Protein backbone atom coordinates (compact mmCIF):
# COMPACT_ATOMS: atom_id res chain seq x y z
CA UNK A 1 62.62 60.69 102.39
CA UNK A 2 64.63 60.65 104.89
CA UNK A 3 68.01 62.57 103.48
CA UNK A 4 65.06 65.30 103.10
CA UNK A 5 64.60 65.86 106.79
CA UNK A 6 67.76 65.28 107.89
CA UNK A 7 68.91 67.85 105.11
CA UNK A 8 66.52 70.44 106.67
CA UNK A 9 67.21 69.41 110.79
CA UNK A 10 71.15 70.02 109.84
CA UNK A 11 70.24 73.47 107.59
CA UNK A 12 68.47 75.23 110.24
CA UNK A 13 70.21 73.86 113.10
CA UNK A 14 73.53 75.29 111.42
CA UNK A 15 71.79 78.38 110.70
CA UNK A 16 70.67 78.63 114.20
CA UNK A 17 73.83 78.24 115.73
CA UNK A 18 75.35 81.03 113.19
CA UNK A 19 72.64 83.34 113.81
CA UNK A 20 73.44 83.03 117.56
CA UNK A 21 76.78 83.96 117.14
CA UNK A 22 76.17 86.35 114.56
CA UNK A 23 73.67 88.01 117.15
CA UNK A 24 76.20 88.16 120.23
CA UNK A 25 78.35 89.94 118.00
CA UNK A 26 75.80 92.28 116.23
CA UNK A 27 72.98 93.03 118.87
CA UNK A 28 69.39 92.03 118.62
CA UNK A 29 68.55 91.24 115.46
CA UNK A 30 64.44 90.43 116.24
CA UNK A 31 64.01 94.56 116.93
CA UNK A 32 61.11 94.15 114.86
CA UNK A 33 59.25 93.15 117.88
CA UNK A 34 59.15 95.27 120.55
CA UNK A 35 57.45 95.60 123.75
CA UNK A 36 54.08 97.24 123.45
CA UNK A 37 52.55 94.62 120.92
CA UNK A 38 52.79 91.92 119.41
CA UNK A 39 50.74 91.98 116.00
CA UNK A 40 50.19 89.20 113.52
CA UNK A 41 52.78 90.53 111.03
CA UNK A 42 55.47 90.13 113.42
CA UNK A 43 55.15 86.21 114.27
CA UNK A 44 57.43 85.42 111.05
CA UNK A 45 60.64 86.38 112.73
CA UNK A 46 63.97 84.72 111.59
CA UNK A 47 64.39 82.72 114.90
CA UNK A 48 60.67 81.77 114.91
CA UNK A 49 61.04 80.34 111.54
CA UNK A 50 64.07 79.10 112.41
CA UNK A 51 62.42 77.29 115.05
CA UNK A 52 59.96 75.50 112.82
CA UNK A 53 62.85 74.05 110.49
CA UNK A 54 64.58 72.15 113.39
CA UNK A 55 60.82 70.95 114.24
CA UNK A 56 60.09 69.92 111.12
CA UNK A 57 63.34 68.48 110.16
CA UNK A 58 63.49 66.55 113.45
CA UNK A 59 59.82 65.25 113.35
CA UNK A 60 60.35 64.23 110.27
CA UNK A 61 63.16 62.31 111.19
CA UNK A 62 61.62 61.00 114.21
CA UNK A 63 58.47 59.46 111.99
CA UNK A 64 60.32 57.72 109.80
CA UNK A 65 62.40 55.47 112.56
CA UNK A 66 59.34 55.26 114.51
CA UNK A 67 57.90 53.56 110.94
CA UNK A 68 55.74 55.85 109.55
CA UNK A 69 55.68 56.81 105.82
CA UNK A 70 53.91 59.06 103.06
CA UNK A 71 51.77 61.65 103.86
CA UNK A 72 51.84 60.59 107.72
CA UNK A 73 55.17 61.67 107.98
CA UNK A 74 55.01 64.99 106.72
CA UNK A 75 52.07 65.46 109.04
CA UNK A 76 54.03 64.06 112.18
CA UNK A 77 56.47 66.40 110.61
CA UNK A 78 54.26 69.70 110.29
CA UNK A 79 52.95 69.18 113.73
CA UNK A 80 56.35 68.71 115.60
CA UNK A 81 57.55 72.09 113.41
CA UNK A 82 54.64 74.13 114.54
CA UNK A 83 54.88 73.08 118.38
CA UNK A 84 58.78 74.07 117.81
CA UNK A 85 57.04 77.66 115.87
CA UNK A 86 55.01 78.15 119.20
CA UNK A 87 57.74 77.69 121.48
CA UNK A 88 59.38 80.05 119.88
CA UNK A 89 56.87 82.40 119.52
CA UNK A 90 55.97 82.31 123.37
CA UNK A 91 59.79 82.39 124.43
CA UNK A 92 60.27 85.95 122.35
CA UNK A 93 57.53 87.16 123.09
CA UNK A 94 58.58 86.45 127.19
CA UNK A 95 62.12 87.41 126.30
CA UNK A 96 60.96 91.03 124.93
CA UNK A 97 58.61 91.57 127.98
CA UNK A 98 61.66 91.36 129.88
CA UNK A 99 63.58 93.98 127.96
CA UNK A 100 63.31 97.97 129.40
CA UNK A 101 62.24 100.51 126.75
CA UNK A 102 61.89 102.98 129.63
CA UNK A 103 64.24 105.90 129.68
CA UNK A 104 66.19 106.64 132.56
CA UNK A 105 66.60 109.76 133.87
CA UNK A 106 69.60 110.30 135.77
CA UNK A 107 68.36 113.43 136.66
CA UNK A 108 66.74 111.83 139.66
CA UNK A 109 69.49 109.83 141.43
CA UNK A 110 70.78 113.56 142.40
CA UNK A 111 70.87 113.55 146.25
CA UNK A 112 71.00 109.30 146.54
CA UNK A 113 73.21 107.39 148.08
CA UNK A 114 74.97 104.74 146.39
CA UNK A 115 78.13 102.14 146.46
CA UNK A 116 81.23 101.81 144.50
CA UNK A 117 81.53 98.75 142.54
CA UNK A 118 84.39 99.90 140.49
CA UNK A 119 86.61 101.98 141.98
CA UNK A 120 86.97 105.79 141.77
CA UNK A 121 90.32 106.70 141.04
CA UNK A 122 91.44 110.65 140.25
CA UNK A 123 90.24 111.66 137.06
CA UNK A 124 89.08 108.72 135.80
CA UNK A 125 85.29 107.39 136.16
CA UNK A 126 84.58 104.27 137.82
CA UNK A 127 80.88 103.08 138.91
CA UNK A 128 78.42 103.00 141.14
CA UNK A 129 75.33 100.78 142.32
CA UNK A 130 72.57 103.54 142.85
CA UNK A 131 68.65 103.52 142.85
CA UNK A 132 67.05 105.42 140.02
CA UNK A 133 63.44 105.76 140.36
CA UNK A 134 62.68 101.84 141.90
CA UNK A 135 65.48 99.92 139.80
CA UNK A 136 69.00 99.55 141.17
CA UNK A 137 71.62 100.75 138.15
CA UNK A 138 74.94 100.44 137.77
CA UNK A 139 76.46 103.69 136.49
CA UNK A 140 79.47 105.69 135.33
CA UNK A 141 80.72 108.07 137.71
CA UNK A 142 83.60 110.49 138.96
CA UNK A 143 84.54 112.36 142.26
CA UNK A 144 83.77 116.15 141.88
CA UNK A 145 87.08 116.48 144.15
CA UNK A 146 89.49 114.03 142.41
CA UNK A 147 89.82 111.69 145.42
CA UNK A 148 89.57 108.25 145.34
CA UNK A 149 87.12 106.22 146.06
CA UNK A 150 87.50 102.42 147.14
CA UNK A 151 85.00 99.70 146.09
CA UNK A 152 82.45 98.95 148.80
CA UNK A 153 82.18 102.91 149.89
CA UNK A 154 79.07 104.93 149.92
CA UNK A 155 78.91 107.89 148.39
CA UNK A 156 76.27 110.64 147.50
CA UNK A 157 75.22 111.70 143.66
CA UNK A 158 75.59 115.61 143.62
CA UNK A 159 75.41 116.23 140.19
CA UNK A 160 75.47 114.95 136.42
CA UNK A 161 78.13 115.27 133.84
CA UNK A 162 77.16 116.34 130.22
CA UNK A 163 77.82 112.42 129.16
CA UNK A 164 75.34 110.63 131.88
CA UNK A 165 78.15 110.27 133.93
CA UNK A 166 77.10 110.90 137.80
CA UNK A 167 79.38 113.58 140.09
CA UNK A 168 79.89 111.88 143.18
CA UNK A 169 81.43 112.37 146.66
CA UNK A 170 82.19 110.16 149.67
CA UNK A 171 79.15 110.14 152.30
CA UNK A 172 80.31 111.24 155.79
């Protein structure tokens, strides 16, 4: 029995690490869980099931190490796996609540004052921090008259280029 729980644990941990590495390069792989709803069918994400398997395997190992046998090991493994599963669901839900799906209307930035975070050189794009709505955002920007704007300088948004690059000028 020990080898079975050890195998489940090792498989689930290797899968979780591999999945984490894959997700870093491929982006969010649990995109089916959205912010607006949390339906029963969406509880079976890869992350949550992997969490259950890790808890189940480690719970079984812990039960065997503590001297339990037979069905008691399976019950303890299932309980700990279920606890891991519930914790994963809560974490997924909380992380998804942090993600924003709101559409940013960059047109509302026109007239606002921002601060340069990546210097804007003539004929090139830099970045500025500017308040859009109620949120401070870092957005690509370039100058209207091809002048250099250094890091930390204040600029005023005077327009928007077709590809959502803000057109700015130095404040006087």
